[in-house]
Amino acid sequence: MYQYFNGLVIREGTNGIPAESVEALFEDAGWARNTPTWQKEKYSLIFKNSTWAFTVWDHNQMIGMVRVLSDQIMEANIMDLVVLSEYRGKRYS
């Protein structure tokens, strides 16, 4: 499912999220650096067991994401919530 908001695309889903885009967000946030090549796959595998994920795109660049784990009845935990630093604090009205 896609939604459009002031020129940005919000995508719901856990499939097809490019590992390189997730790695770039994590590096920008200071959560990762110099990931060895053999470990880069983890940036796409983290979505396999996630209940929900939303990514935000500005054209072809992923600028934000949130990943949620839940029992889908009573409990949900936000595992990752990250926004590219140059987009933090911007107002979209």
PDB file of N, CA and C in Angstrom:
ATOM      1  N   MET A   1       0.838  -1.168   0.000  1.00  0.00           N
ATOM      2  CA  MET A   1       0.000   0.000   0.000  1.00  0.00           C
ATOM      3  C   MET A   1       0.890   1.241   0.000  1.00  0.00           C
ATOM      4  N   TYR A   2       0.525   2.175  -0.830  1.00  0.00           N
ATOM      5  CA  TYR A   2       1.270   3.417  -0.919  1.00  0.00           C
ATOM      6  C   TYR A   2       0.347   4.585  -0.564  1.00  0.00           C
ATOM      7  N   GLN A   3       0.875   5.552   0.153  1.00  0.00           N
ATOM      8  CA  GLN A   3       0.179   6.799   0.397  1.00  0.00           C
ATOM      9  C   GLN A   3       1.136   7.914   0.019  1.00  0.00           C
ATOM     10  N   TYR A   4       0.576   9.012  -0.434  1.00  0.00           N
ATOM     11  CA  TYR A   4       1.384  10.145  -0.846  1.00  0.00           C
ATOM     12  C   TYR A   4       1.125  11.301   0.090  1.00  0.00           C
ATOM     13  N   PHE A   5       2.197  11.952   0.536  1.00  0.00           N
ATOM     14  CA  PHE A   5       2.073  13.070   1.461  1.00  0.00           C
ATOM     15  C   PHE A   5       3.084  14.141   1.074  1.00  0.00           C
ATOM     16  N   ASN A   6       2.600  15.244   0.540  1.00  0.00           N
ATOM     17  CA  ASN A   6       3.456  16.379   0.171  1.00  0.00           C
ATOM     18  C   ASN A   6       4.694  15.971  -0.626  1.00  0.00           C
ATOM     19  N   GLY A   7       4.503  15.151  -1.618  1.00  0.00           N
ATOM     20  CA  GLY A   7       5.596  14.740  -2.488  1.00  0.00           C
ATOM     21  C   GLY A   7       6.374  13.534  -2.010  1.00  0.00           C
ATOM     22  N   LEU A   8       6.090  13.053  -0.802  1.00  0.00           N
ATOM     23  CA  LEU A   8       6.762  11.872  -0.274  1.00  0.00           C
ATOM     24  C   LEU A   8       5.847  10.662  -0.438  1.00  0.00           C
ATOM     25  N   VAL A   9       6.450   9.491  -0.544  1.00  0.00           N
ATOM     26  CA  VAL A   9       5.687   8.250  -0.659  1.00  0.00           C
ATOM     27  C   VAL A   9       5.872   7.473   0.640  1.00  0.00           C
ATOM     28  N   ILE A  10       4.766   7.043   1.230  1.00  0.00           N
ATOM     29  CA  ILE A  10       4.796   6.205   2.425  1.00  0.00           C
ATOM     30  C   ILE A  10       4.372   4.806   1.992  1.00  0.00           C
ATOM     31  N   ARG A  11       5.244   3.850   2.196  1.00  0.00           N
ATOM     32  CA  ARG A  11       4.996   2.478   1.754  1.00  0.00           C
ATOM     33  C   ARG A  11       4.829   1.576   2.965  1.00  0.00           C
ATOM     34  N   GLU A  12       3.765   0.800   2.980  1.00  0.00           N
ATOM     35  CA  GLU A  12       3.539  -0.180   4.037  1.00  0.00           C
ATOM     36  C   GLU A  12       3.937  -1.544   3.515  1.00  0.00           C
ATOM     37  N   GLY A  13       4.701  -2.291   4.298  1.00  0.00           N
ATOM     38  CA  GLY A  13       5.057  -3.642   3.893  1.00  0.00           C
ATOM     39  C   GLY A  13       6.457  -4.016   4.332  1.00  0.00           C
ATOM     40  N   THR A  14       6.669  -5.319   4.457  1.00  0.00           N
ATOM     41  CA  THR A  14       7.966  -5.822   4.909  1.00  0.00           C
ATOM     42  C   THR A  14       8.764  -6.472   3.788  1.00  0.00           C
ATOM     43  N   ASN A  15       8.235  -6.486   2.574  1.00  0.00           N
ATOM     44  CA  ASN A  15       8.925  -7.111   1.441  1.00  0.00           C
ATOM     45  C   ASN A  15       9.573  -6.069   0.532  1.00  0.00           C
ATOM     46  N   GLY A  16      10.694  -6.452  -0.040  1.00  0.00           N
ATOM     47  CA  GLY A  16      11.321  -5.634  -1.075  1.00  0.00           C
ATOM     48  C   GLY A  16      11.991  -4.365  -0.585  1.00  0.00           C
ATOM     49  N   ILE A  17      12.368  -4.306   0.674  1.00  0.00           N
ATOM     50  CA  ILE A  17      13.046  -3.114   1.200  1.00  0.00           C
ATOM     51  C   ILE A  17      14.545  -3.310   0.981  1.00  0.00           C
ATOM     52  N   PRO A  18      15.168  -2.439   0.196  1.00  0.00           N
ATOM     53  CA  PRO A  18      16.583  -2.626  -0.150  1.00  0.00           C
ATOM     54  C   PRO A  18      17.509  -2.503   1.069  1.00  0.00           C
ATOM     55  N   ALA A  19      18.346  -3.489   1.251  1.00  0.00           N
ATOM     56  CA  ALA A  19      19.291  -3.499   2.370  1.00  0.00           C
ATOM     57  C   ALA A  19      20.177  -2.252   2.365  1.00  0.00           C
ATOM     58  N   GLU A  20      20.570  -1.791   1.178  1.00  0.00           N
ATOM     59  CA  GLU A  20      21.452  -0.622   1.086  1.00  0.00           C
ATOM     60  C   GLU A  20      20.780   0.625   1.645  1.00  0.00           C
ATOM     61  N   SER A  21      19.478   0.751   1.435  1.00  0.00           N
ATOM     62  CA  SER A  21      18.746   1.919   1.929  1.00  0.00           C
ATOM     63  C   SER A  21      18.642   1.899   3.449  1.00  0.00           C
ATOM     64  N   VAL A  22      18.405   0.714   4.002  1.00  0.00           N
ATOM     65  CA  VAL A  22      18.325   0.575   5.460  1.00  0.00           C
ATOM     66  C   VAL A  22      19.691   0.847   6.076  1.00  0.00           C
ATOM     67  N   GLU A  23      20.719   0.291   5.482  1.00  0.00           N
ATOM     68  CA  GLU A  23      22.083   0.514   5.985  1.00  0.00           C
ATOM     69  C   GLU A  23      22.426   1.997   5.973  1.00  0.00           C
ATOM     70  N   ALA A  24      22.059   2.704   4.911  1.00  0.00           N
ATOM     71  CA  ALA A  24      22.344   4.147   4.827  1.00  0.00           C
ATOM     72  C   ALA A  24      21.637   4.916   5.943  1.00  0.00           C
ATOM     73  N   LEU A  25      20.383   4.557   6.235  1.00  0.00           N
ATOM     74  CA  LEU A  25      19.667   5.213   7.338  1.00  0.00           C
ATOM     75  C   LEU A  25      20.337   4.921   8.677  1.00  0.00           C
ATOM     76  N   PHE A  26      20.699   3.656   8.900  1.00  0.00           N
ATOM     77  CA  PHE A  26      21.330   3.277  10.160  1.00  0.00           C
ATOM     78  C   PHE A  26      22.687   3.975  10.325  1.00  0.00           C
ATOM     79  N   GLU A  27      23.444   4.085   9.255  1.00  0.00           N
ATOM     80  CA  GLU A  27      24.731   4.780   9.326  1.00  0.00           C
ATOM     81  C   GLU A  27      24.533   6.256   9.633  1.00  0.00           C
ATOM     82  N   ASP A  28      23.540   6.884   8.975  1.00  0.00           N
ATOM     83  CA  ASP A  28      23.254   8.294   9.212  1.00  0.00           C
ATOM     84  C   ASP A  28      22.855   8.541  10.668  1.00  0.00           C
ATOM     85  N   ALA A  29      22.136   7.581  11.267  1.00  0.00           N
ATOM     86  CA  ALA A  29      21.695   7.701  12.660  1.00  0.00           C
ATOM     87  C   ALA A  29      22.805   7.344  13.651  1.00  0.00           C
ATOM     88  N   GLY A  30      23.915   6.787  13.158  1.00  0.00           N
ATOM     89  CA  GLY A  30      24.995   6.378  14.039  1.00  0.00           C
ATOM     90  C   GLY A  30      24.789   4.993  14.637  1.00  0.00           C
ATOM     91  N   TRP A  31      23.866   4.226  14.076  1.00  0.00           N
ATOM     92  CA  TRP A  31      23.569   2.883  14.580  1.00  0.00           C
ATOM     93  C   TRP A  31      24.450   1.820  13.944  1.00  0.00           C
ATOM     94  N   ALA A  32      25.116   2.134  12.871  1.00  0.00           N
ATOM     95  CA  ALA A  32      25.970   1.167  12.175  1.00  0.00           C
ATOM     96  C   ALA A  32      27.096   1.919  11.491  1.00  0.00           C
ATOM     97  N   ARG A  33      28.200   1.210  11.278  1.00  0.00           N
ATOM     98  CA  ARG A  33      29.276   1.772  10.472  1.00  0.00           C
ATOM     99  C   ARG A  33      30.218   0.659  10.061  1.00  0.00           C
ATOM    100  N   ASN A  34      30.703   0.782   8.849  1.00  0.00           N
ATOM    101  CA  ASN A  34      31.657  -0.189   8.303  1.00  0.00           C
ATOM    102  C   ASN A  34      31.155  -1.633   8.413  1.00  0.00           C
ATOM    103  N   THR A  35      29.935  -1.869   8.003  1.00  0.00           N
ATOM    104  CA  THR A  35      29.382  -3.222   8.051  1.00  0.00           C
ATOM    105  C   THR A  35      30.120  -4.102   7.056  1.00  0.00           C
ATOM    106  N   PRO A  36      30.661  -5.237   7.520  1.00  0.00           N
ATOM    107  CA  PRO A  36      31.342  -6.139   6.588  1.00  0.00           C
ATOM    108  C   PRO A  36      30.370  -6.641   5.523  1.00  0.00           C
ATOM    109  N   THR A  37      30.874  -6.892   4.348  1.00  0.00           N
ATOM    110  CA  THR A  37      30.043  -7.335   3.229  1.00  0.00           C
ATOM    111  C   THR A  37      29.209  -8.557   3.588  1.00  0.00           C
ATOM    112  N   TRP A  38      29.767  -9.498   4.301  1.00  0.00           N
ATOM    113  CA  TRP A  38      29.050 -10.729   4.625  1.00  0.00           C
ATOM    114  C   TRP A  38      27.896 -10.494   5.597  1.00  0.00           C
ATOM    115  N   GLN A  39      27.820  -9.304   6.233  1.00  0.00           N
ATOM    116  CA  GLN A  39      26.736  -9.004   7.168  1.00  0.00           C
ATOM    117  C   GLN A  39      25.669  -8.075   6.585  1.00  0.00           C
ATOM    118  N   LYS A  40      25.877  -7.575   5.400  1.00  0.00           N
ATOM    119  CA  LYS A  40      24.955  -6.585   4.831  1.00  0.00           C
ATOM    120  C   LYS A  40      23.546  -7.130   4.606  1.00  0.00           C
ATOM    121  N   GLU A  41      23.415  -8.416   4.410  1.00  0.00           N
ATOM    122  CA  GLU A  41      22.108  -9.030   4.184  1.00  0.00           C
ATOM    123  C   GLU A  41      21.166  -8.823   5.380  1.00  0.00           C
ATOM    124  N   LYS A  42      21.730  -8.630   6.569  1.00  0.00           N
ATOM    125  CA  LYS A  42      20.891  -8.472   7.759  1.00  0.00           C
ATOM    126  C   LYS A  42      19.965  -7.263   7.656  1.00  0.00           C
ATOM    127  N   TYR A  43      20.332  -6.276   6.863  1.00  0.00           N
ATOM    128  CA  TYR A  43      19.509  -5.075   6.740  1.00  0.00           C
ATOM    129  C   TYR A  43      18.193  -5.333   5.996  1.00  0.00           C
ATOM    130  N   SER A  44      18.128  -6.387   5.224  1.00  0.00           N
ATOM    131  CA  SER A  44      16.847  -6.761   4.617  1.00  0.00           C
ATOM    132  C   SER A  44      16.190  -7.897   5.398  1.00  0.00           C
ATOM    133  N   LEU A  45      16.981  -8.750   6.025  1.00  0.00           N
ATOM    134  CA  LEU A  45      16.429  -9.877   6.786  1.00  0.00           C
ATOM    135  C   LEU A  45      15.675  -9.426   8.039  1.00  0.00           C
ATOM    136  N   ILE A  46      15.989  -8.261   8.590  1.00  0.00           N
ATOM    137  CA  ILE A  46      15.312  -7.804   9.806  1.00  0.00           C
ATOM    138  C   ILE A  46      13.803  -7.660   9.597  1.00  0.00           C
ATOM    139  N   PHE A  47      13.374  -7.559   8.358  1.00  0.00           N
ATOM    140  CA  PHE A  47      11.948  -7.381   8.069  1.00  0.00           C
ATOM    141  C   PHE A  47      11.196  -8.709   7.987  1.00  0.00           C
ATOM    142  N   LYS A  48      11.915  -9.811   7.828  1.00  0.00           N
ATOM    143  CA  LYS A  48      11.253 -11.113   7.665  1.00  0.00           C
ATOM    144  C   LYS A  48      10.323 -11.451   8.821  1.00  0.00           C
ATOM    145  N   ASN A  49      10.736 -11.182  10.044  1.00  0.00           N
ATOM    146  CA  ASN A  49       9.927 -11.501  11.215  1.00  0.00           C
ATOM    147  C   ASN A  49       9.279 -10.269  11.829  1.00  0.00           C
ATOM    148  N   SER A  50       9.267  -9.183  11.129  1.00  0.00           N
ATOM    149  CA  SER A  50       8.584  -7.986  11.609  1.00  0.00           C
ATOM    150  C   SER A  50       7.107  -8.074  11.256  1.00  0.00           C
ATOM    151  N   THR A  51       6.270  -7.561  12.114  1.00  0.00           N
ATOM    152  CA  THR A  51       4.831  -7.588  11.889  1.00  0.00           C
ATOM    153  C   THR A  51       4.427  -6.514  10.890  1.00  0.00           C
ATOM    154  N   TRP A  52       4.934  -5.323  11.092  1.00  0.00           N
ATOM    155  CA  TRP A  52       4.646  -4.209  10.189  1.00  0.00           C
ATOM    156  C   TRP A  52       5.921  -3.421   9.940  1.00  0.00           C
ATOM    157  N   ALA A  53       5.949  -2.787   8.799  1.00  0.00           N
ATOM    158  CA  ALA A  53       7.022  -1.842   8.504  1.00  0.00           C
ATOM    159  C   ALA A  53       6.448  -0.765   7.589  1.00  0.00           C
ATOM    160  N   PHE A  54       6.872   0.425   7.821  1.00  0.00           N
ATOM    161  CA  PHE A  54       6.524   1.551   6.960  1.00  0.00           C
ATOM    162  C   PHE A  54       7.823   2.222   6.561  1.00  0.00           C
ATOM    163  N   THR A  55       7.969   2.526   5.300  1.00  0.00           N
ATOM    164  CA  THR A  55       9.132   3.260   4.821  1.00  0.00           C
ATOM    165  C   THR A  55       8.643   4.528   4.140  1.00  0.00           C
ATOM    166  N   VAL A  56       9.462   5.566   4.191  1.00  0.00           N
ATOM    167  CA  VAL A  56       9.133   6.852   3.576  1.00  0.00           C
ATOM    168  C   VAL A  56      10.194   7.150   2.529  1.00  0.00           C
ATOM    169  N   TRP A  57       9.703   7.528   1.355  1.00  0.00           N
ATOM    170  CA  TRP A  57      10.589   7.730   0.207  1.00  0.00           C
ATOM    171  C   TRP A  57      10.438   9.133  -0.358  1.00  0.00           C
ATOM    172  N   ASP A  58      11.562   9.742  -0.690  1.00  0.00           N
ATOM    173  CA  ASP A  58      11.592  10.985  -1.453  1.00  0.00           C
ATOM    174  C   ASP A  58      12.215  10.606  -2.791  1.00  0.00           C
ATOM    175  N   HIS A  59      11.387  10.434  -3.775  1.00  0.00           N
ATOM    176  CA  HIS A  59      11.769   9.888  -5.080  1.00  0.00           C
ATOM    177  C   HIS A  59      12.345   8.489  -4.869  1.00  0.00           C
ATOM    178  N   ASN A  60      13.603   8.245  -5.180  1.00  0.00           N
ATOM    179  CA  ASN A  60      14.189   6.903  -5.040  1.00  0.00           C
ATOM    180  C   ASN A  60      15.016   6.739  -3.779  1.00  0.00           C
ATOM    181  N   GLN A  61      14.953   7.708  -2.881  1.00  0.00           N
ATOM    182  CA  GLN A  61      15.755   7.651  -1.662  1.00  0.00           C
ATOM    183  C   GLN A  61      14.852   7.378  -0.455  1.00  0.00           C
ATOM    184  N   MET A  62      15.167   6.315   0.287  1.00  0.00           N
ATOM    185  CA  MET A  62      14.435   6.045   1.515  1.00  0.00           C
ATOM    186  C   MET A  62      14.922   7.010   2.574  1.00  0.00           C
ATOM    187  N   ILE A  63      14.009   7.801   3.132  1.00  0.00           N
ATOM    188  CA  ILE A  63      14.393   8.838   4.093  1.00  0.00           C
ATOM    189  C   ILE A  63      13.929   8.524   5.514  1.00  0.00           C
ATOM    190  N   GLY A  64      13.151   7.465   5.659  1.00  0.00           N
ATOM    191  CA  GLY A  64      12.694   7.098   6.997  1.00  0.00           C
ATOM    192  C   GLY A  64      12.081   5.721   7.001  1.00  0.00           C
ATOM    193  N   MET A  65      12.030   5.129   8.202  1.00  0.00           N
ATOM    194  CA  MET A  65      11.394   3.822   8.343  1.00  0.00           C
ATOM    195  C   MET A  65      11.028   3.590   9.793  1.00  0.00           C
ATOM    196  N   VAL A  66      10.018   2.755   9.983  1.00  0.00           N
ATOM    197  CA  VAL A  66       9.655   2.259  11.307  1.00  0.00           C
ATOM    198  C   VAL A  66       9.333   0.779  11.145  1.00  0.00           C
ATOM    199  N   ARG A  67       9.781  -0.008  12.120  1.00  0.00           N
ATOM    200  CA  ARG A  67       9.570  -1.453  12.094  1.00  0.00           C
ATOM    201  C   ARG A  67       8.945  -1.856  13.414  1.00  0.00           C
ATOM    202  N   VAL A  68       7.891  -2.693  13.355  1.00  0.00           N
ATOM    203  CA  VAL A  68       7.114  -3.061  14.537  1.00  0.00           C
ATOM    204  C   VAL A  68       7.020  -4.584  14.663  1.00  0.00           C
ATOM    205  N   LEU A  69       7.172  -5.072  15.887  1.00  0.00           N
ATOM    206  CA  LEU A  69       6.908  -6.470  16.218  1.00  0.00           C
ATOM    207  C   LEU A  69       5.680  -6.503  17.114  1.00  0.00           C
ATOM    208  N   SER A  70       4.761  -7.442  16.847  1.00  0.00           N
ATOM    209  CA  SER A  70       3.512  -7.476  17.600  1.00  0.00           C
ATOM    210  C   SER A  70       2.933  -8.885  17.659  1.00  0.00           C
ATOM    211  N   ASP A  71       2.121  -9.142  18.701  1.00  0.00           N
ATOM    212  CA  ASP A  71       1.337 -10.370  18.750  1.00  0.00           C
ATOM    213  C   ASP A  71       0.003 -10.168  18.028  1.00  0.00           C
ATOM    214  N   GLN A  72      -0.230  -8.979  17.554  1.00  0.00           N
ATOM    215  CA  GLN A  72      -1.407  -8.565  16.791  1.00  0.00           C
ATOM    216  C   GLN A  72      -2.698  -8.671  17.592  1.00  0.00           C
ATOM    217  N   ILE A  73      -2.593  -8.733  18.905  1.00  0.00           N
ATOM    218  CA  ILE A  73      -3.772  -8.754  19.757  1.00  0.00           C
ATOM    219  C   ILE A  73      -3.692  -7.640  20.797  1.00  0.00           C
ATOM    220  N   MET A  74      -2.618  -7.650  21.598  1.00  0.00           N
ATOM    221  CA  MET A  74      -2.522  -6.676  22.686  1.00  0.00           C
ATOM    222  C   MET A  74      -1.210  -5.898  22.722  1.00  0.00           C
ATOM    223  N   GLU A  75      -0.160  -6.465  22.230  1.00  0.00           N
ATOM    224  CA  GLU A  75       1.162  -5.863  22.393  1.00  0.00           C
ATOM    225  C   GLU A  75       1.820  -5.555  21.052  1.00  0.00           C
ATOM    226  N   ALA A  76       2.514  -4.436  21.010  1.00  0.00           N
ATOM    227  CA  ALA A  76       3.323  -4.069  19.845  1.00  0.00           C
ATOM    228  C   ALA A  76       4.525  -3.279  20.340  1.00  0.00           C
ATOM    229  N   ASN A  77       5.654  -3.521  19.736  1.00  0.00           N
ATOM    230  CA  ASN A  77       6.889  -2.825  20.094  1.00  0.00           C
ATOM    231  C   ASN A  77       7.510  -2.209  18.861  1.00  0.00           C
ATOM    232  N   ILE A  78       7.832  -0.940  18.946  1.00  0.00           N
ATOM    233  CA  ILE A  78       8.574  -0.289  17.871  1.00  0.00           C
ATOM    234  C   ILE A  78      10.029  -0.700  18.026  1.00  0.00           C
ATOM    235  N   MET A  79      10.547  -1.355  16.999  1.00  0.00           N
ATOM    236  CA  MET A  79      11.921  -1.831  17.046  1.00  0.00           C
ATOM    237  C   MET A  79      12.892  -0.792  16.504  1.00  0.00           C
ATOM    238  N   ASP A  80      12.524  -0.163  15.423  1.00  0.00           N
ATOM    239  CA  ASP A  80      13.373   0.854  14.806  1.00  0.00           C
ATOM    240  C   ASP A  80      12.475   1.995  14.350  1.00  0.00           C
ATOM    241  N   LEU A  81      12.901   3.193  14.602  1.00  0.00           N
ATOM    242  CA  LEU A  81      12.259   4.389  14.061  1.00  0.00           C
ATOM    243  C   LEU A  81      13.393   5.334  13.724  1.00  0.00           C
ATOM    244  N   VAL A  82      13.603   5.566  12.447  1.00  0.00           N
ATOM    245  CA  VAL A  82      14.757   6.358  12.024  1.00  0.00           C
ATOM    246  C   VAL A  82      14.379   7.233  10.844  1.00  0.00           C
ATOM    247  N   VAL A  83      14.893   8.450  10.862  1.00  0.00           N
ATOM    248  CA  VAL A  83      14.665   9.418   9.790  1.00  0.00           C
ATOM    249  C   VAL A  83      16.026   9.994   9.398  1.00  0.00           C
ATOM    250  N   LEU A  84      16.272  10.094   8.115  1.00  0.00           N
ATOM    251  CA  LEU A  84      17.515  10.668   7.612  1.00  0.00           C
ATOM    252  C   LEU A  84      17.702  12.056   8.223  1.00  0.00           C
ATOM    253  N   SER A  85      18.891  12.363   8.701  1.00  0.00           N
ATOM    254  CA  SER A  85      19.145  13.593   9.470  1.00  0.00           C
ATOM    255  C   SER A  85      18.727  14.869   8.741  1.00  0.00           C
ATOM    256  N   GLU A  86      18.906  14.921   7.439  1.00  0.00           N
ATOM    257  CA  GLU A  86      18.553  16.153   6.718  1.00  0.00           C
ATOM    258  C   GLU A  86      17.041  16.382   6.649  1.00  0.00           C
ATOM    259  N   TYR A  87      16.241  15.365   6.983  1.00  0.00           N
ATOM    260  CA  TYR A  87      14.788  15.485   6.972  1.00  0.00           C
ATOM    261  C   TYR A  87      14.192  15.663   8.363  1.00  0.00           C
ATOM    262  N   ARG A  88      14.982  15.498   9.390  1.00  0.00           N
ATOM    263  CA  ARG A  88      14.472  15.656  10.760  1.00  0.00           C
ATOM    264  C   ARG A  88      14.130  17.119  11.014  1.00  0.00           C
ATOM    265  N   GLY A  89      12.982  17.336  11.591  1.00  0.00           N
ATOM    266  CA  GLY A  89      12.579  18.697  11.949  1.00  0.00           C
ATOM    267  C   GLY A  89      11.954  19.481  10.804  1.00  0.00           C
ATOM    268  N   LYS A  90      11.902  18.924   9.610  1.00  0.00           N
ATOM    269  CA  LYS A  90      11.249  19.617   8.487  1.00  0.00           C
ATOM    270  C   LYS A  90       9.758  19.625   8.727  1.00  0.00           C
ATOM    271  N   ARG A  91       9.101  20.699   8.314  1.00  0.00           N
ATOM    272  CA  ARG A  91       7.656  20.804   8.436  1.00  0.00           C
ATOM    273  C   ARG A  91       7.023  20.562   7.086  1.00  0.00           C
ATOM    274  N   TYR A  92       6.045  19.686   7.089  1.00  0.00           N
ATOM    275  CA  TYR A  92       5.289  19.378   5.881  1.00  0.00           C
ATOM    276  C   TYR A  92       3.841  19.720   6.171  1.00  0.00           C
ATOM    277  N   SER A  93       3.362  20.779   5.540  1.00  0.00           N
ATOM    278  CA  SER A  93       1.965  21.160   5.797  1.00  0.00           C
ATOM    279  C   SER A  93       1.193  21.298   4.502  1.00  0.00           C
TER     280      SER A  93
END
